[in-house]
Every structure is written in C-alpha cells, then in structure tokens.
Amino acid sequence: MGGVTLKGMTWSHPRGYDPMVACSDDWLQKTGVSIEWDKRSLQDFESFPVEELARRYDLIVIDHPHVGQITAENCLAPLDGPSRKAAFTALAKGSVGKSFPSYNWQGRQWAFPIDAATQVLAFRPDRLDAPPTTWAEVLDLAKTGEVLLPLRPPHSLMCLFTLCGNLGHPCSVERGRPFIDAETGVQAIEMIRELAALVDPACIGMDPIAVLDLMGEDGARYSLSPLIYGYVSYSLEGFRANRIAFADMPVAGARGPVGSALGGTGIAVSAFSEHREAAIDFAYWIAGGAVQADRYWRFGGQPGHAAGWEDEAANAATLGFYRNTRSTLEGAWLRPRHDGYMPFQEAASQRINRAVTSAEPAAKAVADLNDLFVKSFR
C-alpha cells in the first residue's frame, strides 16, 4: 500500500486540523500511505454539499446531520464491511453518548466519530468560583453584562433543541409528527429571547469560536456562555490569553443536564475514491481508542472515543474538560438527519433569530417552525 497519497478535507480550527496532520504523519511512518489535508471554515463545514467534496477528496470529516442527504446521493462508502466486524464492534463499544450511532443511517455506518461534542457551559474560572447550574442563575449573571450566547445560524436552532430537550419535550425527528410541542416551543423561544436581550447584540452573528475567542481575550469582561459547543482548545494552557473551563449545561427542567443537541464530527470515506480500502484503513485507525487517547488529543483534538474522554492526562491538561461535561454528552439528543434536514436547519435558525430579536408572539414562530419541518421531507 506504500506510495499511495490520499487527499482529506477537514474544518479550519486547530481542533479540527492539527490532530489530523499529526496522526497522518504517524500513519505515513506506519504504512507508507501519505495524506494531504485541506480545511474549510466552520460555516462551510456546517452547510457545504458533501457530494462535491466526495468527488475531490478520499477522506472527509463530516457533521452527522448530513447522513440522510449523503445516503441519498450515494457519495460515501459504508464502513461496516463484514471483513472488519471485530474492529467495528470495538469502535461501537467505545462511543460516548450517541456519537457512534449518529453516523448510522438506513442500517449502514457512514462515518466514525473522531470528535465528540454537545452544547455545554463555558466559563472563566479566574472570574467565577463555580459555574451556574440553573437557567435562573445564568439570567442573574447575564444582567451584569458578563454573558455571551452564540446565535449565528445554526446555533440559535441548537439552543432551541437543547432547551426543549431539557424541558422534557424534545423536538421531533420523524415525518408526520409536529416538530415542536407548542407549549414547550413557546417557553424555549421566550427563554432565548430573554437572554438575547441581556447579551451583546453582536451575538446574533457569532458562532462558538467567535464567542470563545472573545471570552479568552486579554482584558475580556465576559465570564460565561451557557449553551455553547464544547471546544477543548480553549482549556489548554497558552491557547488564548485566558483559559476557559467547561461544565455540564445549566438546567431548565427537572431531569438534570439532558437533552443537549449533539454535535461533533466523523471521518468518512468517499465512494468515488480510487484508494477506498486504504482510506477505510485510516478511518478505523484514527477513530480507535489507542490513537484517540494519545496522539489525537495531544495535538489539540477533542476525542470521539471514550478512551480519550477517560484519559487522566487529557483531563489534567484541559481543566477537567472531559470529566466535567461527560454527563451532558451522555444525555445528549440526536437531531434530525433525514434528506432535507440541512436546508431546514438554515431556514429554522433564521426564523428563530427573527423571533428572538422582535416582540412577535412566540407561538407564531413555533407554528412556522412546524410548517418548515413538514416541508423538509421530500
């Protein structure tokens, strides 16, 4: 297999790029197979057509809500071949929360989790003795001007998902059921609206990276972001002027830190690759516990395998990032993944932003979201 060169596409952040390059160097030494990585912006990562990437790259880092669309387009190779049953079972057993099954669609596995994330709480441990644990405590802190909330699409929808799940009425993922419970939807939109009125108006255009960069700046006055995808990079010594710690999400309901909208990324293989087996070999290797609990996190990655989350050195280096958010990840909710969800995600996020920045009745926005969801099934 030596002498083969694969092309890979990941996302443009040290967490998404640096570990892929470092692990690929190891893979070259191990197998003689070279992998050249390109990267794209977070916004592109969340919305760019996977089929276009599959025609240009052998390996693609993807977001799990794409799986319905990519299955319909036949652009990825399934990773669950019978010759790899033992290795496949081992990877499945190493899943944190629903990370592994999130890439399973219509009975096939289209990617392996290499990065696990969900909406959790980010705070400055040099400014807060302890993170707030309830939504009411978050609002109290927001009144002092110390809170930021990423609301740039699709993150406003992710906040809605998380709040509905935490309130005990998760949004629907199925055709034929109302997307959102009317009463819970109104409550969640009102909660986002109340907080949005207390944070910097610029939050409407900020994603998690923008929020965490601002929180980590020298002299920053911000102490907290209550619903934000965990980014372990910001917990590392020296990544930004100020280190950011992460904790379980603040609860609005009565069931603990459950219902958070699952995120993370997976490694997928193009169906059009001329070196499909070589690419699949790498996918199995980099998603495995031995790599994830060592080289992957040591080069800034956020493991998708439980071995990485349980590693003592990984927790010691990151202010306990993995240990302190594990409960939220284990209780996270798997969002819709059908063919048609991705356009819905963008439209629904824009609709929520119009609602939370105006005085319109929240019930009108909920009705519109239900209508958009029905139309998303092609």
Protein backbone atom coordinates (compact mmCIF):
# COMPACT_ATOMS: atom_id res chain seq x y z
CA MET A 1 0.00 0.00 0.00
CA GLY A 2 3.05 2.28 0.37
CA GLY A 3 3.38 5.11 -2.10
CA VAL A 4 -0.35 5.89 -2.07
CA THR A 5 -1.32 9.53 -1.47
CA LEU A 6 -4.80 10.32 -0.16
CA LYS A 7 -6.47 13.72 -0.01
CA GLY A 8 -8.51 14.73 3.02
CA MET A 9 -10.82 17.63 3.92
CA THR A 10 -11.44 18.77 7.48
CA TRP A 11 -12.52 22.02 9.16
CA SER A 12 -10.49 25.12 9.79
CA HIS A 13 -9.76 25.22 13.50
CA PRO A 14 -6.75 23.81 15.38
CA ARG A 15 -9.09 21.24 16.96
CA GLY A 16 -10.18 20.02 13.53
CA TYR A 17 -6.91 20.30 11.59
CA ASP A 18 -3.85 19.84 13.80
CA PRO A 19 -4.60 16.30 15.05
CA MET A 20 -5.38 15.10 11.51
CA VAL A 21 -1.99 16.30 10.29
CA ALA A 22 -0.10 14.87 13.28
CA CYS A 23 -1.83 11.50 13.13
CA SER A 24 -1.34 11.35 9.36
CA ASP A 25 2.41 11.78 9.90
CA ASP A 26 2.29 8.75 12.18
CA TRP A 27 0.25 6.83 9.60
CA LEU A 28 2.84 7.59 6.92
CA GLN A 29 5.59 6.16 9.12
CA LYS A 30 3.43 3.15 9.93
CA THR A 31 2.09 2.29 6.46
CA GLY A 32 3.82 4.41 3.80
CA VAL A 33 0.43 5.98 2.93
CA SER A 34 0.54 9.78 2.73
CA ILE A 35 -2.47 12.01 3.47
CA GLU A 36 -2.65 15.67 2.44
CA TRP A 37 -5.24 17.68 4.41
CA ASP A 38 -7.16 20.77 3.27
CA LYS A 39 -9.52 22.72 5.56
CA ARG A 40 -12.71 24.78 5.25
CA SER A 41 -14.44 27.29 7.52
CA LEU A 42 -16.85 26.24 10.27
CA GLN A 43 -19.73 27.81 8.33
CA ASP A 44 -18.80 25.84 5.21
CA PHE A 45 -18.40 22.71 7.31
CA GLU A 46 -21.96 23.02 8.58
CA SER A 47 -23.52 23.66 5.16
CA PHE A 48 -21.26 22.76 2.20
CA PRO A 49 -22.55 19.90 -0.05
CA VAL A 50 -20.72 16.70 0.89
CA GLU A 51 -21.13 15.26 -2.62
CA GLU A 52 -18.91 17.99 -4.09
CA LEU A 53 -16.22 17.20 -1.53
CA ALA A 54 -16.51 13.46 -2.15
CA ARG A 55 -15.60 13.97 -5.80
CA ARG A 56 -12.38 15.74 -4.81
CA TYR A 57 -11.25 14.02 -1.60
CA ASP A 58 -10.72 10.46 -0.36
CA LEU A 59 -11.34 11.27 3.31
CA ILE A 60 -13.89 13.82 4.54
CA VAL A 61 -14.64 15.00 8.06
CA ILE A 62 -18.43 15.41 8.24
CA ASP A 63 -21.23 16.54 10.53
CA HIS A 64 -23.76 13.78 11.37
CA PRO A 65 -26.93 15.65 10.29
CA HIS A 66 -25.71 15.25 6.68
CA VAL A 67 -26.16 11.46 6.70
CA GLY A 68 -29.66 11.40 5.21
CA GLN A 69 -28.58 13.59 2.33
CA ILE A 70 -25.30 11.78 1.65
CA THR A 71 -27.03 8.39 1.71
CA ALA A 72 -29.48 9.60 -0.94
CA GLU A 73 -26.57 10.92 -3.02
CA ASN A 74 -24.54 7.67 -2.73
CA CYS A 75 -21.36 9.72 -2.29
CA LEU A 76 -19.83 7.97 0.75
CA ALA A 77 -18.60 4.42 1.21
CA PRO A 78 -20.16 2.43 4.08
CA LEU A 79 -17.61 1.48 6.74
CA ASP A 80 -19.28 -1.64 8.15
CA GLY A 81 -17.93 -4.35 5.83
CA PRO A 82 -18.08 -7.98 7.09
CA SER A 83 -14.29 -8.37 6.99
CA ARG A 84 -13.88 -5.76 9.74
CA LYS A 85 -16.58 -6.94 12.15
CA ALA A 86 -14.37 -7.20 15.25
CA ALA A 87 -12.80 -3.77 14.75
CA PHE A 88 -16.23 -2.27 14.02
CA THR A 89 -17.71 -3.73 17.22
CA ALA A 90 -14.80 -2.34 19.25
CA LEU A 91 -15.35 1.16 17.86
CA ALA A 92 -19.09 0.97 18.57
CA LYS A 93 -18.41 -0.03 22.19
CA GLY A 94 -16.09 2.98 22.58
CA SER A 95 -18.78 5.51 21.76
CA VAL A 96 -19.51 8.40 24.11
CA GLY A 97 -23.24 9.05 24.16
CA LYS A 98 -24.86 8.71 20.74
CA SER A 99 -21.72 9.74 18.82
CA PHE A 100 -21.23 6.39 17.08
CA PRO A 101 -24.89 5.73 16.12
CA SER A 102 -25.24 9.32 14.92
CA TYR A 103 -23.45 8.29 11.72
CA ASN A 104 -25.60 5.21 11.18
CA TRP A 105 -28.43 5.63 8.69
CA GLN A 106 -30.66 3.09 6.96
CA GLY A 107 -28.72 0.26 8.53
CA ARG A 108 -25.22 1.30 7.40
CA GLN A 109 -22.35 3.18 9.08
CA TRP A 110 -21.24 6.21 7.03
CA ALA A 111 -18.58 7.67 9.35
CA PHE A 112 -16.79 7.02 12.63
CA PRO A 113 -16.77 9.64 15.40
CA ILE A 114 -13.35 11.22 15.84
CA ASP A 115 -14.62 14.26 17.74
CA ALA A 116 -17.46 14.30 20.28
CA ALA A 117 -19.22 17.49 21.35
CA THR A 118 -22.53 18.81 22.55
CA GLN A 119 -23.88 22.09 23.92
CA VAL A 120 -22.40 22.61 27.37
CA LEU A 121 -21.45 25.61 29.53
CA ALA A 122 -18.22 27.61 29.10
CA PHE A 123 -16.89 29.84 31.88
CA ARG A 124 -13.83 31.73 33.00
CA PRO A 125 -12.56 30.02 36.18
CA ASP A 126 -10.49 33.09 37.05
CA ARG A 127 -13.70 35.16 37.20
CA LEU A 128 -16.25 32.69 38.59
CA ASP A 129 -15.70 30.48 41.63
CA ALA A 130 -18.11 27.92 40.18
CA PRO A 131 -20.28 27.71 37.06
CA PRO A 132 -24.03 28.32 37.39
CA THR A 133 -26.06 25.12 37.34
CA THR A 134 -29.55 26.52 36.63
CA TRP A 135 -31.03 28.76 33.95
CA ALA A 136 -32.16 31.23 36.63
CA GLU A 137 -28.54 31.66 37.77
CA VAL A 138 -27.49 32.26 34.16
CA LEU A 139 -30.02 35.08 33.82
CA ASP A 140 -28.79 36.69 37.04
CA LEU A 141 -25.24 36.74 35.67
CA ALA A 142 -26.40 37.99 32.27
CA LYS A 143 -27.85 41.08 33.96
CA THR A 144 -24.30 42.07 34.91
CA GLY A 145 -23.19 42.06 31.24
CA GLU A 146 -20.85 39.08 31.62
CA VAL A 147 -22.64 36.57 29.37
CA LEU A 148 -22.38 35.76 25.64
CA LEU A 149 -24.55 33.37 23.61
CA PRO A 150 -23.70 32.22 20.04
CA LEU A 151 -26.83 32.75 17.92
CA ARG A 152 -25.43 32.71 14.39
CA PRO A 153 -27.24 30.02 12.39
CA PRO A 154 -27.40 27.14 13.07
CA HIS A 155 -26.62 27.81 16.74
CA SER A 156 -29.91 29.52 17.60
CA LEU A 157 -31.70 26.34 16.50
CA MET A 158 -29.27 24.26 18.56
CA CYS A 159 -30.23 26.33 21.63
CA LEU A 160 -33.91 25.68 20.90
CA PHE A 161 -33.24 21.95 20.53
CA THR A 162 -31.32 21.85 23.82
CA LEU A 163 -33.89 23.80 25.82
CA CYS A 164 -36.83 21.76 24.51
CA GLY A 165 -34.97 18.55 25.32
CA ASN A 166 -34.06 19.75 28.77
CA LEU A 167 -37.64 20.84 29.44
CA GLY A 168 -38.77 17.28 28.74
CA HIS A 169 -40.24 17.63 25.24
CA PRO A 170 -37.52 17.02 22.65
CA CYS A 171 -38.21 18.16 19.11
CA SER A 172 -39.39 15.56 16.61
CA VAL A 173 -37.02 13.82 14.21
CA GLU A 174 -39.77 11.97 12.33
CA ARG A 175 -42.11 12.69 9.45
CA GLY A 176 -45.75 13.00 10.48
CA ARG A 177 -45.18 14.35 13.99
CA PRO A 178 -45.23 18.05 14.93
CA PHE A 179 -41.66 19.28 15.06
CA ILE A 180 -42.07 21.08 18.33
CA ASP A 181 -44.54 20.86 21.21
CA ALA A 182 -46.49 24.13 21.13
CA GLU A 183 -46.22 24.99 24.82
CA THR A 184 -42.58 23.91 25.18
CA GLY A 185 -41.63 25.72 21.97
CA VAL A 186 -43.08 28.98 23.20
CA GLN A 187 -41.30 28.59 26.54
CA ALA A 188 -37.95 27.86 24.86
CA ILE A 189 -38.19 30.80 22.44
CA GLU A 190 -39.11 33.12 25.31
CA MET A 191 -36.10 31.86 27.27
CA ILE A 192 -33.75 32.54 24.35
CA ARG A 193 -35.38 35.93 23.76
CA GLU A 194 -34.97 36.93 27.42
CA LEU A 195 -31.29 36.02 27.38
CA ALA A 196 -30.68 37.55 23.93
CA ALA A 197 -31.95 40.88 25.28
CA LEU A 198 -29.31 40.78 28.03
CA VAL A 199 -26.25 39.90 25.91
CA ASP A 200 -24.29 41.90 23.34
CA PRO A 201 -26.47 42.31 20.19
CA ALA A 202 -23.45 41.14 18.18
CA CYS A 203 -24.18 37.61 19.47
CA ILE A 204 -26.75 37.22 16.68
CA GLY A 205 -23.82 36.96 14.27
CA MET A 206 -21.44 34.98 16.48
CA ASP A 207 -20.63 31.27 16.34
CA PRO A 208 -18.98 29.37 19.23
CA ILE A 209 -15.46 30.14 18.00
CA ALA A 210 -16.18 33.88 17.93
CA VAL A 211 -17.67 33.76 21.44
CA LEU A 212 -14.80 31.75 22.92
CA ASP A 213 -12.17 33.91 21.21
CA LEU A 214 -13.80 36.97 22.82
CA MET A 215 -14.05 35.33 26.24
CA GLY A 216 -10.40 34.31 26.06
CA GLU A 217 -9.02 37.74 25.11
CA ASP A 218 -6.75 39.62 27.45
CA GLY A 219 -8.92 42.00 29.47
CA ALA A 220 -12.22 40.40 28.38
CA ARG A 221 -15.15 41.18 30.68
CA TYR A 222 -17.12 38.07 29.76
CA SER A 223 -17.38 35.21 32.24
CA LEU A 224 -19.89 32.79 30.76
CA SER A 225 -21.58 31.25 27.75
CA PRO A 226 -24.37 28.96 28.99
CA LEU A 227 -25.15 26.99 25.80
CA ILE A 228 -22.18 26.52 23.50
CA TYR A 229 -20.48 23.58 21.82
CA GLY A 230 -17.53 22.42 23.89
CA TYR A 231 -14.15 23.43 22.43
CA VAL A 232 -11.34 21.81 24.35
CA SER A 233 -8.71 24.01 22.66
CA TYR A 234 -9.70 26.96 24.86
CA SER A 235 -9.00 24.95 28.02
CA LEU A 236 -5.38 24.33 27.03
CA GLU A 237 -2.59 26.35 28.58
CA GLY A 238 -1.43 29.10 26.21
CA PHE A 239 -4.13 28.72 23.54
CA ARG A 240 -5.57 32.14 24.41
CA ALA A 241 -4.64 34.81 26.98
CA ASN A 242 -7.24 33.41 29.39
CA ARG A 243 -8.14 29.73 29.80
CA ILE A 244 -11.79 28.74 29.57
CA ALA A 245 -13.27 25.85 31.54
CA PHE A 246 -16.30 23.82 30.56
CA ALA A 247 -19.03 22.24 32.66
CA ASP A 248 -22.36 20.47 32.28
CA MET A 249 -25.17 22.57 30.79
CA PRO A 250 -27.29 24.66 33.18
CA VAL A 251 -30.66 23.01 33.70
CA ALA A 252 -34.05 24.49 32.97
CA GLY A 253 -36.05 21.32 33.58
CA ALA A 254 -36.12 18.77 36.40
CA ARG A 255 -34.14 15.89 34.87
CA GLY A 256 -30.56 17.10 35.10
CA PRO A 257 -28.25 18.00 32.18
CA VAL A 258 -30.14 16.08 29.46
CA GLY A 259 -31.40 17.00 26.00
CA SER A 260 -28.41 18.95 24.71
CA ALA A 261 -28.12 18.98 20.89
CA LEU A 262 -25.34 16.55 19.93
CA GLY A 263 -22.53 17.84 17.72
CA GLY A 264 -19.05 16.53 16.95
CA THR A 265 -17.51 15.24 13.73
CA GLY A 266 -16.89 11.94 11.98
CA ILE A 267 -14.36 10.60 9.48
CA ALA A 268 -15.94 9.41 6.24
CA VAL A 269 -14.61 7.85 3.02
CA SER A 270 -15.60 8.93 -0.47
CA ALA A 271 -17.47 6.41 -2.60
CA PHE A 272 -15.53 7.80 -5.57
CA SER A 273 -12.06 7.21 -4.07
CA GLU A 274 -9.60 5.20 -6.14
CA HIS A 275 -7.98 4.09 -2.87
CA ARG A 276 -11.09 3.23 -0.88
CA GLU A 277 -9.61 0.41 1.23
CA ALA A 278 -6.56 2.49 2.14
CA ALA A 279 -8.86 5.34 3.23
CA ILE A 280 -11.04 2.97 5.27
CA ASP A 281 -7.94 1.56 6.96
CA PHE A 282 -7.02 5.07 8.13
CA ALA A 283 -10.58 5.81 9.30
CA TYR A 284 -10.61 2.73 11.52
CA TRP A 285 -7.17 3.54 12.92
CA ILE A 286 -7.68 7.23 13.78
CA ALA A 287 -11.10 6.55 15.36
CA GLY A 288 -9.67 3.84 17.62
CA GLY A 289 -9.09 4.20 21.33
CA ALA A 290 -5.30 3.89 21.22
CA VAL A 291 -4.91 6.91 18.92
CA GLN A 292 -7.76 8.91 20.40
CA ALA A 293 -6.41 8.57 23.95
CA ASP A 294 -2.93 9.66 22.96
CA ARG A 295 -1.71 11.42 19.82
CA TYR A 296 -5.13 12.71 18.80
CA TRP A 297 -5.83 14.76 21.94
CA ARG A 298 -2.17 15.66 22.47
CA PHE A 299 -2.25 17.58 19.18
CA GLY A 300 -5.38 19.54 20.11
CA GLY A 301 -8.10 17.12 19.09
CA GLN A 302 -11.29 16.51 21.08
CA PRO A 303 -11.68 12.72 21.01
CA GLY A 304 -14.77 10.91 19.83
CA HIS A 305 -13.77 7.72 21.67
CA ALA A 306 -14.42 7.09 25.36
CA ALA A 307 -10.76 6.14 25.90
CA GLY A 308 -9.84 9.76 25.15
CA TRP A 309 -12.54 11.14 27.46
CA GLU A 310 -11.39 8.93 30.33
CA ASP A 311 -7.67 9.57 29.93
CA GLU A 312 -6.25 11.14 33.09
CA ALA A 313 -3.60 13.15 31.25
CA ALA A 314 -6.20 14.55 28.84
CA ASN A 315 -8.33 15.76 31.74
CA ALA A 316 -5.34 17.16 33.64
CA ALA A 317 -4.30 19.21 30.59
CA THR A 318 -7.77 20.64 29.97
CA LEU A 319 -9.14 21.77 33.35
CA GLY A 320 -11.16 18.54 33.51
CA PHE A 321 -12.96 19.26 30.22
CA TYR A 322 -13.98 15.66 29.55
CA ARG A 323 -14.85 14.65 33.08
CA ASN A 324 -16.85 17.83 33.72
CA THR A 325 -19.04 17.64 30.59
CA ARG A 326 -19.45 13.88 30.22
CA SER A 327 -22.92 13.76 31.82
CA THR A 328 -24.26 16.29 29.34
CA LEU A 329 -22.74 14.38 26.43
CA GLU A 330 -24.14 11.05 27.61
CA GLY A 331 -27.60 12.64 27.87
CA ALA A 332 -27.39 14.50 24.55
CA TRP A 333 -30.15 14.39 21.96
CA LEU A 334 -29.70 13.27 18.37
CA ARG A 335 -31.16 15.84 15.97
CA PRO A 336 -32.95 15.03 12.67
CA ARG A 337 -30.80 13.57 9.89
CA HIS A 338 -33.24 12.97 7.01
CA ASP A 339 -32.60 14.10 3.44
CA GLY A 340 -33.98 17.63 3.57
CA TYR A 341 -32.88 18.44 7.11
CA MET A 342 -29.91 20.62 6.15
CA PRO A 343 -31.97 23.30 4.32
CA PHE A 344 -34.47 23.15 7.21
CA GLN A 345 -31.67 23.77 9.72
CA GLU A 346 -30.72 27.03 8.00
CA ALA A 347 -34.30 28.24 7.48
CA ALA A 348 -35.36 27.36 11.03
CA SER A 349 -32.35 29.13 12.53
CA GLN A 350 -33.13 32.31 10.60
CA ARG A 351 -36.77 32.07 11.70
CA ILE A 352 -35.78 31.74 15.37
CA ASN A 353 -33.46 34.75 15.10
CA ARG A 354 -36.27 36.89 13.72
CA ALA A 355 -38.45 35.82 16.66
CA VAL A 356 -35.93 36.34 19.46
CA THR A 357 -34.91 39.81 18.22
CA SER A 358 -38.51 41.06 17.94
CA ALA A 359 -41.63 41.27 20.04
CA GLU A 360 -43.74 38.95 17.87
CA PRO A 361 -45.73 36.21 19.63
CA ALA A 362 -43.53 33.17 20.12
CA ALA A 363 -46.45 30.96 19.12
CA LYS A 364 -46.29 32.36 15.58
CA ALA A 365 -42.65 31.31 15.28
CA VAL A 366 -43.47 27.83 16.63
CA ALA A 367 -46.22 27.42 14.01
CA ASP A 368 -43.81 28.48 11.26
CA LEU A 369 -41.15 26.04 12.51
CA ASN A 370 -43.66 23.19 12.45
CA ASP A 371 -44.60 24.13 8.89
CA LEU A 372 -40.96 24.29 7.77
CA PHE A 373 -40.34 20.86 9.28
CA VAL A 374 -43.24 19.25 7.41
CA LYS A 375 -41.95 20.73 4.14
CA SER A 376 -38.39 19.46 4.81
CA PHE A 377 -39.39 15.87 3.98
CA ARG A 378 -39.00 15.45 0.27
